[in-house]
Full PDB file with SEQRES, HELIX, SHEET, SSBOND, CRYST1, ORIGX, SCALE, CONECT and MASTER records, all heavy atoms in Angstrom:
SEQRES   1 A   41  ARG ALA ARG PHE LEU ALA ASP SER GLY ASP ALA MET PRO          
SEQRES   2 A   41  ASP TYR GLU LEU LEU GLU LEU THR LEU PHE ALA ALA ILE          
SEQRES   3 A   41  PRO ARG ARG ASP THR LYS PRO LEU ALA LYS ALA LEU LEU          
SEQRES   4 A   41  ALA ARG                                                      
HELIX    1 AA1 ALA A    2  ASP A    7  1                                   6    
HELIX    2 AA2 ASP A   14  LEU A   22  1                                   9    
HELIX    3 AA3 LYS A   32  ALA A   40  1                                   9    
CRYST1    1.000    1.000    1.000  90.00  90.00  90.00 P 1           1          
ORIGX1      1.000000  0.000000  0.000000        0.00000                         
ORIGX2      0.000000  1.000000  0.000000        0.00000                         
ORIGX3      0.000000  0.000000  1.000000        0.00000                         
SCALE1      1.000000  0.000000  0.000000        0.00000                         
SCALE2      0.000000  1.000000  0.000000        0.00000                         
SCALE3      0.000000  0.000000  1.000000        0.00000                         
ATOM      1  N   ARG A   1      12.414   6.801  -7.910  1.00  0.00           N  
ATOM      2  CA  ARG A   1      12.856   7.539  -6.710  1.00  0.00           C  
ATOM      3  C   ARG A   1      13.661   8.771  -7.087  1.00  0.00           C  
ATOM      4  O   ARG A   1      13.515   9.846  -6.491  1.00  0.00           O  
ATOM      5  CB  ARG A   1      13.684   6.631  -5.808  1.00  0.00           C  
ATOM      6  CG  ARG A   1      12.900   5.545  -5.101  1.00  0.00           C  
ATOM      7  CD  ARG A   1      13.769   4.846  -4.065  1.00  0.00           C  
ATOM      8  NE  ARG A   1      13.087   3.710  -3.465  1.00  0.00           N  
ATOM      9  CZ  ARG A   1      13.305   2.443  -3.799  1.00  0.00           C  
ATOM     10  NH1 ARG A   1      14.207   2.136  -4.727  1.00  0.00           N  
ATOM     11  NH2 ARG A   1      12.648   1.468  -3.203  1.00  0.00           N  
ATOM     12  N   ALA A   2      14.528   8.631  -8.086  1.00  0.00           N  
ATOM     13  CA  ALA A   2      15.358   9.755  -8.519  1.00  0.00           C  
ATOM     14  C   ALA A   2      14.494  10.887  -9.063  1.00  0.00           C  
ATOM     15  O   ALA A   2      14.740  12.064  -8.790  1.00  0.00           O  
ATOM     16  CB  ALA A   2      16.365   9.288  -9.565  1.00  0.00           C  
ATOM     17  N   ARG A   3      13.474  10.539  -9.834  1.00  0.00           N  
ATOM     18  CA  ARG A   3      12.563  11.564 -10.362  1.00  0.00           C  
ATOM     19  C   ARG A   3      11.811  12.255  -9.238  1.00  0.00           C  
ATOM     20  O   ARG A   3      11.591  13.466  -9.263  1.00  0.00           O  
ATOM     21  CB  ARG A   3      11.576  10.932 -11.340  1.00  0.00           C  
ATOM     22  CG  ARG A   3      12.199  10.579 -12.694  1.00  0.00           C  
ATOM     23  CD  ARG A   3      11.181   9.966 -13.621  1.00  0.00           C  
ATOM     24  NE  ARG A   3       9.991  10.797 -13.698  1.00  0.00           N  
ATOM     25  CZ  ARG A   3       8.768  10.331 -13.967  1.00  0.00           C  
ATOM     26  NH1 ARG A   3       8.588   9.040 -14.146  1.00  0.00           N  
ATOM     27  NH2 ARG A   3       7.744  11.144 -14.037  1.00  0.00           N  
ATOM     28  N   PHE A   4      11.416  11.480  -8.242  1.00  0.00           N  
ATOM     29  CA  PHE A   4      10.719  12.071  -7.093  1.00  0.00           C  
ATOM     30  C   PHE A   4      11.618  13.057  -6.361  1.00  0.00           C  
ATOM     31  O   PHE A   4      11.205  14.155  -6.011  1.00  0.00           O  
ATOM     32  CB  PHE A   4      10.266  10.965  -6.138  1.00  0.00           C  
ATOM     33  CG  PHE A   4       9.688  11.492  -4.860  1.00  0.00           C  
ATOM     34  CD1 PHE A   4       8.385  11.944  -4.802  1.00  0.00           C  
ATOM     35  CD2 PHE A   4      10.473  11.565  -3.708  1.00  0.00           C  
ATOM     36  CE1 PHE A   4       7.863  12.450  -3.625  1.00  0.00           C  
ATOM     37  CE2 PHE A   4       9.958  12.072  -2.528  1.00  0.00           C  
ATOM     38  CZ  PHE A   4       8.651  12.514  -2.490  1.00  0.00           C  
ATOM     39  N   LEU A   5      12.867  12.659  -6.126  1.00  0.00           N  
ATOM     40  CA  LEU A   5      13.794  13.511  -5.388  1.00  0.00           C  
ATOM     41  C   LEU A   5      14.142  14.781  -6.152  1.00  0.00           C  
ATOM     42  O   LEU A   5      14.490  15.797  -5.550  1.00  0.00           O  
ATOM     43  CB  LEU A   5      15.063  12.730  -5.054  1.00  0.00           C  
ATOM     44  CG  LEU A   5      14.877  11.586  -4.043  1.00  0.00           C  
ATOM     45  CD1 LEU A   5      16.165  10.770  -3.931  1.00  0.00           C  
ATOM     46  CD2 LEU A   5      14.460  12.124  -2.687  1.00  0.00           C  
ATOM     47  N   ALA A   6      14.047  14.722  -7.468  1.00  0.00           N  
ATOM     48  CA  ALA A   6      14.410  15.883  -8.290  1.00  0.00           C  
ATOM     49  C   ALA A   6      13.473  17.068  -8.053  1.00  0.00           C  
ATOM     50  O   ALA A   6      13.895  18.220  -8.085  1.00  0.00           O  
ATOM     51  CB  ALA A   6      14.416  15.503  -9.767  1.00  0.00           C  
ATOM     52  N   ASP A   7      12.175  16.785  -7.819  1.00  0.00           N  
ATOM     53  CA  ASP A   7      11.236  17.904  -7.634  1.00  0.00           C  
ATOM     54  C   ASP A   7      10.170  17.600  -6.581  1.00  0.00           C  
ATOM     55  O   ASP A   7       9.082  18.174  -6.601  1.00  0.00           O  
ATOM     56  CB  ASP A   7      10.562  18.267  -8.958  1.00  0.00           C  
ATOM     57  CG  ASP A   7       9.694  17.144  -9.509  1.00  0.00           C  
ATOM     58  OD1 ASP A   7       9.663  16.061  -8.899  1.00  0.00           O  
ATOM     59  OD2 ASP A   7       9.049  17.357 -10.550  1.00  0.00           O  
ATOM     60  N   SER A   8      10.495  16.684  -5.652  1.00  0.00           N  
ATOM     61  CA  SER A   8       9.572  16.293  -4.575  1.00  0.00           C  
ATOM     62  C   SER A   8       8.262  15.724  -5.107  1.00  0.00           C  
ATOM     63  O   SER A   8       7.236  15.770  -4.430  1.00  0.00           O  
ATOM     64  CB  SER A   8       9.269  17.487  -3.655  1.00  0.00           C  
ATOM     65  OG  SER A   8      10.464  17.941  -3.057  1.00  0.00           O  
ATOM     66  N   GLY A   9       8.302  15.206  -6.328  1.00  0.00           N  
ATOM     67  CA  GLY A   9       7.133  14.549  -6.890  1.00  0.00           C  
ATOM     68  C   GLY A   9       6.115  15.471  -7.516  1.00  0.00           C  
ATOM     69  O   GLY A   9       5.046  15.030  -7.944  1.00  0.00           O  
ATOM     70  N   ASP A  10       6.422  16.773  -7.600  1.00  0.00           N  
ATOM     71  CA  ASP A  10       5.439  17.728  -8.120  1.00  0.00           C  
ATOM     72  C   ASP A  10       5.017  17.427  -9.555  1.00  0.00           C  
ATOM     73  O   ASP A  10       3.867  17.679  -9.937  1.00  0.00           O  
ATOM     74  CB  ASP A  10       5.994  19.158  -8.050  1.00  0.00           C  
ATOM     75  CG  ASP A  10       6.094  19.666  -6.619  1.00  0.00           C  
ATOM     76  OD1 ASP A  10       5.479  19.044  -5.733  1.00  0.00           O  
ATOM     77  OD2 ASP A  10       6.805  20.660  -6.384  1.00  0.00           O  
ATOM     78  N   ALA A  11       5.929  16.903 -10.349  1.00  0.00           N  
ATOM     79  CA  ALA A  11       5.615  16.643 -11.756  1.00  0.00           C  
ATOM     80  C   ALA A  11       5.094  15.235 -11.995  1.00  0.00           C  
ATOM     81  O   ALA A  11       4.752  14.877 -13.122  1.00  0.00           O  
ATOM     82  CB  ALA A  11       6.863  16.880 -12.613  1.00  0.00           C  
ATOM     83  N   MET A  12       5.028  14.431 -10.957  1.00  0.00           N  
ATOM     84  CA  MET A  12       4.600  13.040 -11.117  1.00  0.00           C  
ATOM     85  C   MET A  12       3.080  12.927 -11.256  1.00  0.00           C  
ATOM     86  O   MET A  12       2.346  13.549 -10.482  1.00  0.00           O  
ATOM     87  CB  MET A  12       5.024  12.208  -9.909  1.00  0.00           C  
ATOM     88  CG  MET A  12       6.455  11.742  -9.932  1.00  0.00           C  
ATOM     89  SD  MET A  12       6.786  10.655  -8.526  1.00  0.00           S  
ATOM     90  CE  MET A  12       8.210   9.768  -9.166  1.00  0.00           C  
ATOM     91  N   PRO A  13       2.617  12.121 -12.203  1.00  0.00           N  
ATOM     92  CA  PRO A  13       1.176  11.836 -12.235  1.00  0.00           C  
ATOM     93  C   PRO A  13       0.798  10.996 -11.014  1.00  0.00           C  
ATOM     94  O   PRO A  13       1.654  10.367 -10.384  1.00  0.00           O  
ATOM     95  CB  PRO A  13       0.996  11.040 -13.530  1.00  0.00           C  
ATOM     96  CG  PRO A  13       2.336  10.468 -13.839  1.00  0.00           C  
ATOM     97  CD  PRO A  13       3.342  11.438 -13.296  1.00  0.00           C  
ATOM     98  N   ASP A  14      -0.490  10.971 -10.697  1.00  0.00           N  
ATOM     99  CA  ASP A  14      -0.946  10.271  -9.493  1.00  0.00           C  
ATOM    100  C   ASP A  14      -0.531   8.801  -9.471  1.00  0.00           C  
ATOM    101  O   ASP A  14      -0.161   8.272  -8.429  1.00  0.00           O  
ATOM    102  CB  ASP A  14      -2.472  10.373  -9.372  1.00  0.00           C  
ATOM    103  CG  ASP A  14      -2.907  11.658  -8.676  1.00  0.00           C  
ATOM    104  OD1 ASP A  14      -2.045  12.520  -8.423  1.00  0.00           O  
ATOM    105  OD2 ASP A  14      -4.108  11.799  -8.381  1.00  0.00           O  
ATOM    106  N   TYR A  15      -0.581   8.127 -10.635  1.00  0.00           N  
ATOM    107  CA  TYR A  15      -0.296   6.690 -10.611  1.00  0.00           C  
ATOM    108  C   TYR A  15       1.168   6.430 -10.265  1.00  0.00           C  
ATOM    109  O   TYR A  15       1.486   5.439  -9.601  1.00  0.00           O  
ATOM    110  CB  TYR A  15      -0.689   6.021 -11.939  1.00  0.00           C  
ATOM    111  CG  TYR A  15       0.330   6.112 -13.046  1.00  0.00           C  
ATOM    112  CD1 TYR A  15       1.344   5.156 -13.172  1.00  0.00           C  
ATOM    113  CD2 TYR A  15       0.284   7.142 -13.983  1.00  0.00           C  
ATOM    114  CE1 TYR A  15       2.283   5.235 -14.192  1.00  0.00           C  
ATOM    115  CE2 TYR A  15       1.204   7.229 -14.991  1.00  0.00           C  
ATOM    116  CZ  TYR A  15       2.204   6.269 -15.103  1.00  0.00           C  
ATOM    117  OH  TYR A  15       3.130   6.347 -16.106  1.00  0.00           O  
ATOM    118  N   GLU A  16       2.074   7.318 -10.674  1.00  0.00           N  
ATOM    119  CA  GLU A  16       3.483   7.111 -10.334  1.00  0.00           C  
ATOM    120  C   GLU A  16       3.754   7.415  -8.858  1.00  0.00           C  
ATOM    121  O   GLU A  16       4.529   6.712  -8.210  1.00  0.00           O  
ATOM    122  CB  GLU A  16       4.376   7.971 -11.234  1.00  0.00           C  
ATOM    123  CG  GLU A  16       4.474   7.447 -12.648  1.00  0.00           C  
ATOM    124  CD  GLU A  16       5.511   8.187 -13.472  1.00  0.00           C  
ATOM    125  OE1 GLU A  16       5.860   9.338 -13.126  1.00  0.00           O  
ATOM    126  OE2 GLU A  16       5.972   7.617 -14.477  1.00  0.00           O  
ATOM    127  N   LEU A  17       3.114   8.446  -8.331  1.00  0.00           N  
ATOM    128  CA  LEU A  17       3.287   8.757  -6.915  1.00  0.00           C  
ATOM    129  C   LEU A  17       2.726   7.624  -6.050  1.00  0.00           C  
ATOM    130  O   LEU A  17       3.326   7.232  -5.051  1.00  0.00           O  
ATOM    131  CB  LEU A  17       2.593  10.075  -6.576  1.00  0.00           C  
ATOM    132  CG  LEU A  17       2.842  10.622  -5.168  1.00  0.00           C  
ATOM    133  CD1 LEU A  17       4.327  10.859  -4.922  1.00  0.00           C  
ATOM    134  CD2 LEU A  17       2.058  11.911  -4.952  1.00  0.00           C  
ATOM    135  N   LEU A  18       1.596   7.071  -6.475  1.00  0.00           N  
ATOM    136  CA  LEU A  18       1.011   5.959  -5.735  1.00  0.00           C  
ATOM    137  C   LEU A  18       1.872   4.705  -5.878  1.00  0.00           C  
ATOM    138  O   LEU A  18       2.080   3.964  -4.904  1.00  0.00           O  
ATOM    139  CB  LEU A  18      -0.409   5.696  -6.240  1.00  0.00           C  
ATOM    140  CG  LEU A  18      -1.226   4.657  -5.480  1.00  0.00           C  
ATOM    141  CD1 LEU A  18      -1.275   4.964  -3.993  1.00  0.00           C  
ATOM    142  CD2 LEU A  18      -2.645   4.585  -6.045  1.00  0.00           C  
ATOM    143  N   GLU A  19       2.390   4.475  -7.070  1.00  0.00           N  
ATOM    144  CA  GLU A  19       3.299   3.350  -7.302  1.00  0.00           C  
ATOM    145  C   GLU A  19       4.506   3.449  -6.364  1.00  0.00           C  
ATOM    146  O   GLU A  19       4.901   2.470  -5.723  1.00  0.00           O  
ATOM    147  CB  GLU A  19       3.758   3.384  -8.763  1.00  0.00           C  
ATOM    148  CG  GLU A  19       4.629   2.223  -9.193  1.00  0.00           C  
ATOM    149  CD  GLU A  19       5.105   2.366 -10.635  1.00  0.00           C  
ATOM    150  OE1 GLU A  19       4.666   3.307 -11.337  1.00  0.00           O  
ATOM    151  OE2 GLU A  19       5.945   1.547 -11.037  1.00  0.00           O  
ATOM    152  N   LEU A  20       5.063   4.635  -6.259  1.00  0.00           N  
ATOM    153  CA  LEU A  20       6.214   4.878  -5.383  1.00  0.00           C  
ATOM    154  C   LEU A  20       5.837   4.659  -3.914  1.00  0.00           C  
ATOM    155  O   LEU A  20       6.594   4.064  -3.142  1.00  0.00           O  
ATOM    156  CB  LEU A  20       6.693   6.313  -5.600  1.00  0.00           C  
ATOM    157  CG  LEU A  20       8.008   6.756  -4.972  1.00  0.00           C  
ATOM    158  CD1 LEU A  20       9.170   5.975  -5.559  1.00  0.00           C  
ATOM    159  CD2 LEU A  20       8.225   8.251  -5.215  1.00  0.00           C  
ATOM    160  N   THR A  21       4.656   5.117  -3.531  1.00  0.00           N  
ATOM    161  CA  THR A  21       4.176   4.950  -2.160  1.00  0.00           C  
ATOM    162  C   THR A  21       4.048   3.477  -1.790  1.00  0.00           C  
ATOM    163  O   THR A  21       4.326   3.082  -0.652  1.00  0.00           O  
ATOM    164  CB  THR A  21       2.811   5.642  -2.005  1.00  0.00           C  
ATOM    165  OG1 THR A  21       2.952   7.035  -2.308  1.00  0.00           O  
ATOM    166  CG2 THR A  21       2.258   5.496  -0.594  1.00  0.00           C  
ATOM    167  N   LEU A  22       3.638   2.655  -2.759  1.00  0.00           N  
ATOM    168  CA  LEU A  22       3.415   1.234  -2.498  1.00  0.00           C  
ATOM    169  C   LEU A  22       4.708   0.425  -2.393  1.00  0.00           C  
ATOM    170  O   LEU A  22       4.668  -0.733  -1.959  1.00  0.00           O  
ATOM    171  CB  LEU A  22       2.529   0.641  -3.601  1.00  0.00           C  
ATOM    172  CG  LEU A  22       1.076   1.128  -3.621  1.00  0.00           C  
ATOM    173  CD1 LEU A  22       0.384   0.678  -4.901  1.00  0.00           C  
ATOM    174  CD2 LEU A  22       0.316   0.630  -2.401  1.00  0.00           C  
ATOM    175  N   PHE A  23       5.837   1.009  -2.776  1.00  0.00           N  
ATOM    176  CA  PHE A  23       7.114   0.283  -2.694  1.00  0.00           C  
ATOM    177  C   PHE A  23       7.357  -0.269  -1.287  1.00  0.00           C  
ATOM    178  O   PHE A  23       7.842  -1.379  -1.119  1.00  0.00           O  
ATOM    179  CB  PHE A  23       8.291   1.197  -3.070  1.00  0.00           C  
ATOM    180  CG  PHE A  23       8.428   1.478  -4.541  1.00  0.00           C  
ATOM    181  CD1 PHE A  23       9.410   2.358  -4.990  1.00  0.00           C  
ATOM    182  CD2 PHE A  23       7.608   0.882  -5.472  1.00  0.00           C  
ATOM    183  CE1 PHE A  23       9.565   2.630  -6.335  1.00  0.00           C  
ATOM    184  CE2 PHE A  23       7.747   1.156  -6.827  1.00  0.00           C  
ATOM    185  CZ  PHE A  23       8.726   2.026  -7.260  1.00  0.00           C  
ATOM    186  N   ALA A  24       7.057   0.539  -0.264  1.00  0.00           N  
ATOM    187  CA  ALA A  24       7.354   0.128   1.109  1.00  0.00           C  
ATOM    188  C   ALA A  24       6.515  -1.064   1.544  1.00  0.00           C  
ATOM    189  O   ALA A  24       6.967  -1.898   2.329  1.00  0.00           O  
ATOM    190  CB  ALA A  24       7.122   1.304   2.062  1.00  0.00           C  
ATOM    191  N   ALA A  25       5.278  -1.150   1.047  1.00  0.00           N  
ATOM    192  CA  ALA A  25       4.390  -2.246   1.434  1.00  0.00           C  
ATOM    193  C   ALA A  25       4.575  -3.484   0.568  1.00  0.00           C  
ATOM    194  O   ALA A  25       4.277  -4.594   0.995  1.00  0.00           O  
ATOM    195  CB  ALA A  25       2.934  -1.785   1.360  1.00  0.00           C  
ATOM    196  N   ILE A  26       5.076  -3.284  -0.662  1.00  0.00           N  
ATOM    197  CA  ILE A  26       5.262  -4.401  -1.599  1.00  0.00           C  
ATOM    198  C   ILE A  26       6.695  -4.338  -2.114  1.00  0.00           C  
ATOM    199  O   ILE A  26       6.967  -3.739  -3.165  1.00  0.00           O  
ATOM    200  CB  ILE A  26       4.265  -4.310  -2.781  1.00  0.00           C  
ATOM    201  CG1 ILE A  26       2.834  -4.178  -2.253  1.00  0.00           C  
ATOM    202  CG2 ILE A  26       4.374  -5.529  -3.677  1.00  0.00           C  
ATOM    203  CD1 ILE A  26       1.798  -3.952  -3.320  1.00  0.00           C  
ATOM    204  N   PRO A  27       7.654  -4.921  -1.398  1.00  0.00           N  
ATOM    205  CA  PRO A  27       9.070  -4.734  -1.741  1.00  0.00           C  
ATOM    206  C   PRO A  27       9.553  -5.455  -2.990  1.00  0.00           C  
ATOM    207  O   PRO A  27      10.541  -5.056  -3.564  1.00  0.00           O  
ATOM    208  CB  PRO A  27       9.798  -5.250  -0.488  1.00  0.00           C  
ATOM    209  CG  PRO A  27       8.842  -6.187   0.150  1.00  0.00           C  
ATOM    210  CD  PRO A  27       7.468  -5.667  -0.140  1.00  0.00           C  
ATOM    211  N   ARG A  28       8.902  -6.515  -3.428  1.00  0.00           N  
ATOM    212  CA  ARG A  28       9.468  -7.320  -4.522  1.00  0.00           C  
ATOM    213  C   ARG A  28       8.490  -7.572  -5.665  1.00  0.00           C  
ATOM    214  O   ARG A  28       8.586  -8.575  -6.348  1.00  0.00           O  
ATOM    215  CB  ARG A  28       9.950  -8.676  -3.980  1.00  0.00           C  
ATOM    216  CG  ARG A  28      11.094  -8.558  -2.992  1.00  0.00           C  
ATOM    217  CD  ARG A  28      11.571  -9.913  -2.530  1.00  0.00           C  
ATOM    218  NE  ARG A  28      12.641  -9.779  -1.568  1.00  0.00           N  
ATOM    219  CZ  ARG A  28      12.466  -9.587  -0.272  1.00  0.00           C  
ATOM    220  NH1 ARG A  28      11.226  -9.500   0.213  1.00  0.00           N  
ATOM    221  NH2 ARG A  28      13.488  -9.470   0.542  1.00  0.00           N  
ATOM    222  N   ARG A  29       7.568  -6.661  -5.873  1.00  0.00           N  
ATOM    223  CA  ARG A  29       6.615  -6.859  -6.956  1.00  0.00           C  
ATOM    224  C   ARG A  29       6.358  -5.543  -7.667  1.00  0.00           C  
ATOM    225  O   ARG A  29       6.451  -4.471  -7.058  1.00  0.00           O  
ATOM    226  CB  ARG A  29       5.303  -7.415  -6.382  1.00  0.00           C  
ATOM    227  CG  ARG A  29       4.453  -8.134  -7.424  1.00  0.00           C  
ATOM    228  CD  ARG A  29       3.250  -8.810  -6.776  1.00  0.00           C  
ATOM    229  NE  ARG A  29       2.186  -7.869  -6.478  1.00  0.00           N  
ATOM    230  CZ  ARG A  29       1.541  -7.807  -5.325  1.00  0.00           C  
ATOM    231  NH1 ARG A  29       1.861  -8.608  -4.339  1.00  0.00           N  
ATOM    232  NH2 ARG A  29       0.574  -6.930  -5.135  1.00  0.00           N  
ATOM    233  N   ASP A  30       6.040  -5.616  -8.936  1.00  0.00           N  
ATOM    234  CA  ASP A  30       5.704  -4.429  -9.700  1.00  0.00           C  
ATOM    235  C   ASP A  30       4.432  -3.820  -9.113  1.00  0.00           C  
ATOM    236  O   ASP A  30       3.386  -4.479  -9.035  1.00  0.00           O  
ATOM    237  CB  ASP A  30       5.487  -4.826 -11.167  1.00  0.00           C  
ATOM    238  CG  ASP A  30       5.163  -3.638 -12.054  1.00  0.00           C  
ATOM    239  OD1 ASP A  30       5.258  -2.497 -11.578  1.00  0.00           O  
ATOM    240  OD2 ASP A  30       4.816  -3.857 -13.235  1.00  0.00           O  
ATOM    241  N   THR A  31       4.497  -2.567  -8.694  1.00  0.00           N  
ATOM    242  CA  THR A  31       3.343  -1.939  -8.040  1.00  0.00           C  
ATOM    243  C   THR A  31       2.483  -1.104  -8.989  1.00  0.00           C  
ATOM    244  O   THR A  31       1.438  -0.613  -8.585  1.00  0.00           O  
ATOM    245  CB  THR A  31       3.813  -1.035  -6.879  1.00  0.00           C  
ATOM    246  OG1 THR A  31       4.680  -0.019  -7.382  1.00  0.00           O  
ATOM    247  CG2 THR A  31       4.538  -1.850  -5.809  1.00  0.00           C  
ATOM    248  N   LYS A  32       2.937  -0.975 -10.232  1.00  0.00           N  
ATOM    249  CA  LYS A  32       2.176  -0.129 -11.168  1.00  0.00           C  
ATOM    250  C   LYS A  32       0.760  -0.654 -11.415  1.00  0.00           C  
ATOM    251  O   LYS A  32      -0.209   0.125 -11.377  1.00  0.00           O  
ATOM    252  CB  LYS A  32       2.919   0.006 -12.494  1.00  0.00           C  
ATOM    253  CG  LYS A  32       2.218   0.968 -13.465  1.00  0.00           C  
ATOM    254  CD  LYS A  32       2.923   1.023 -14.818  1.00  0.00           C  
ATOM    255  CE  LYS A  32       4.252   1.694 -14.688  1.00  0.00           C  
ATOM    256  NZ  LYS A  32       4.920   1.864 -16.016  1.00  0.00           N  
ATOM    257  N   PRO A  33       0.568  -1.973 -11.666  1.00  0.00           N  
ATOM    258  CA  PRO A  33      -0.811  -2.444 -11.906  1.00  0.00           C  
ATOM    259  C   PRO A  33      -1.744  -2.171 -10.722  1.00  0.00           C  
ATOM    260  O   PRO A  33      -2.892  -1.784 -10.921  1.00  0.00           O  
ATOM    261  CB  PRO A  33      -0.624  -3.955 -12.139  1.00  0.00           C  
ATOM    262  CG  PRO A  33       0.784  -4.104 -12.606  1.00  0.00           C  
ATOM    263  CD  PRO A  33       1.555  -3.053 -11.866  1.00  0.00           C  
ATOM    264  N   LEU A  34      -1.245  -2.352  -9.494  1.00  0.00           N  
ATOM    265  CA  LEU A  34      -2.091  -2.102  -8.331  1.00  0.00           C  
ATOM    266  C   LEU A  34      -2.386  -0.612  -8.179  1.00  0.00           C  
ATOM    267  O   LEU A  34      -3.505  -0.221  -7.848  1.00  0.00           O  
ATOM    268  CB  LEU A  34      -1.424  -2.639  -7.063  1.00  0.00           C  
ATOM    269  CG  LEU A  34      -2.230  -2.465  -5.770  1.00  0.00           C  
ATOM    270  CD1 LEU A  34      -3.621  -3.084  -5.898  1.00  0.00           C  
ATOM    271  CD2 LEU A  34      -1.478  -3.063  -4.592  1.00  0.00           C  
ATOM    272  N   ALA A  35      -1.383   0.225  -8.444  1.00  0.00           N  
ATOM    273  CA  ALA A  35      -1.599   1.676  -8.370  1.00  0.00           C  
ATOM    274  C   ALA A  35      -2.698   2.098  -9.341  1.00  0.00           C  
ATOM    275  O   ALA A  35      -3.604   2.871  -8.984  1.00  0.00           O  
ATOM    276  CB  ALA A  35      -0.300   2.413  -8.676  1.00  0.00           C  
ATOM    277  N   LYS A  36      -2.652   1.565 -10.547  1.00  0.00           N  
ATOM    278  CA  LYS A  36      -3.659   1.932 -11.555  1.00  0.00           C  
ATOM    279  C   LYS A  36      -5.031   1.378 -11.188  1.00  0.00           C  
ATOM    280  O   LYS A  36      -6.061   2.030 -11.425  1.00  0.00           O  
ATOM    281  CB  LYS A  36      -3.211   1.454 -12.928  1.00  0.00           C  
ATOM    282  CG  LYS A  36      -2.022   2.250 -13.455  1.00  0.00           C  
ATOM    283  CD  LYS A  36      -1.776   2.018 -14.930  1.00  0.00           C  
ATOM    284  CE  LYS A  36      -0.739   2.997 -15.477  1.00  0.00           C  
ATOM    285  NZ  LYS A  36      -0.535   2.862 -16.924  1.00  0.00           N  
ATOM    286  N   ALA A  37      -5.066   0.176 -10.593  1.00  0.00           N  
ATOM    287  CA  ALA A  37      -6.347  -0.400 -10.180  1.00  0.00           C  
ATOM    288  C   ALA A  37      -6.983   0.436  -9.067  1.00  0.00           C  
ATOM    289  O   ALA A  37      -8.200   0.670  -9.061  1.00  0.00           O  
ATOM    290  CB  ALA A  37      -6.140  -1.837  -9.700  1.00  0.00           C  
ATOM    291  N   LEU A  38      -6.172   0.907  -8.125  1.00  0.00           N  
ATOM    292  CA  LEU A  38      -6.681   1.742  -7.036  1.00  0.00           C  
ATOM    293  C   LEU A  38      -7.215   3.074  -7.563  1.00  0.00           C  
ATOM    294  O   LEU A  38      -8.270   3.556  -7.136  1.00  0.00           O  
ATOM    295  CB  LEU A  38      -5.583   1.983  -6.005  1.00  0.00           C  
ATOM    296  CG  LEU A  38      -5.262   0.795  -5.094  1.00  0.00           C  
ATOM    297  CD1 LEU A  38      -3.922   0.996  -4.394  1.00  0.00           C  
ATOM    298  CD2 LEU A  38      -6.378   0.597  -4.058  1.00  0.00           C  
ATOM    299  N   LEU A  39      -6.498   3.661  -8.506  1.00  0.00           N  
ATOM    300  CA  LEU A  39      -6.950   4.937  -9.070  1.00  0.00           C  
ATOM    301  C   LEU A  39      -8.212   4.753  -9.906  1.00  0.00           C  
ATOM    302  O   LEU A  39      -9.079   5.634  -9.922  1.00  0.00           O  
ATOM    303  CB  LEU A  39      -5.831   5.555  -9.918  1.00  0.00           C  
ATOM    304  CG  LEU A  39      -4.645   6.093  -9.103  1.00  0.00           C  
ATOM    305  CD1 LEU A  39      -3.478   6.440 -10.020  1.00  0.00           C  
ATOM    306  CD2 LEU A  39      -5.055   7.317  -8.303  1.00  0.00           C  
ATOM    307  N   ALA A  40      -8.312   3.608 -10.591  1.00  0.00           N  
ATOM    308  CA  ALA A  40      -9.523   3.336 -11.366  1.00  0.00           C  
ATOM    309  C   ALA A  40     -10.732   3.222 -10.441  1.00  0.00           C  
ATOM    310  O   ALA A  40     -11.841   3.632 -10.794  1.00  0.00           O  
ATOM    311  CB  ALA A  40      -9.348   2.047 -12.167  1.00  0.00           C  
ATOM    312  N   ARG A  41     -10.526   2.688  -9.237  1.00  0.00           N  
ATOM    313  CA  ARG A  41     -11.627   2.526  -8.291  1.00  0.00           C  
ATOM    314  C   ARG A  41     -11.978   3.842  -7.591  1.00  0.00           C  
ATOM    315  O   ARG A  41     -13.140   4.185  -7.445  1.00  0.00           O  
ATOM    316  CB  ARG A  41     -11.248   1.469  -7.246  1.00  0.00           C  
ATOM    317  CG  ARG A  41     -12.217   1.344  -6.061  1.00  0.00           C  
ATOM    318  CD  ARG A  41     -13.574   0.758  -6.454  1.00  0.00           C  
ATOM    319  NE  ARG A  41     -13.419  -0.612  -6.851  1.00  0.00           N  
ATOM    320  CZ  ARG A  41     -13.511  -1.656  -6.020  1.00  0.00           C  
ATOM    321  NH1 ARG A  41     -13.766  -1.451  -4.743  1.00  0.00           N  
ATOM    322  NH2 ARG A  41     -13.379  -2.882  -6.469  1.00  0.00           N  
TER     323      ARG A  41                                                      
MASTER        0    0    0    3    0    0    0    6  322    1    0    4          
END                                                                             
């Protein structure tokens, strides 16, 4: 979140922006594997 706020996410790769987006829907689980699976698809 801090990295996102620093530059509004401009420097974030897609998987990190998607991982961050998924936080709201998945509050207590690591969202990185799902973010990468979605991008792979």
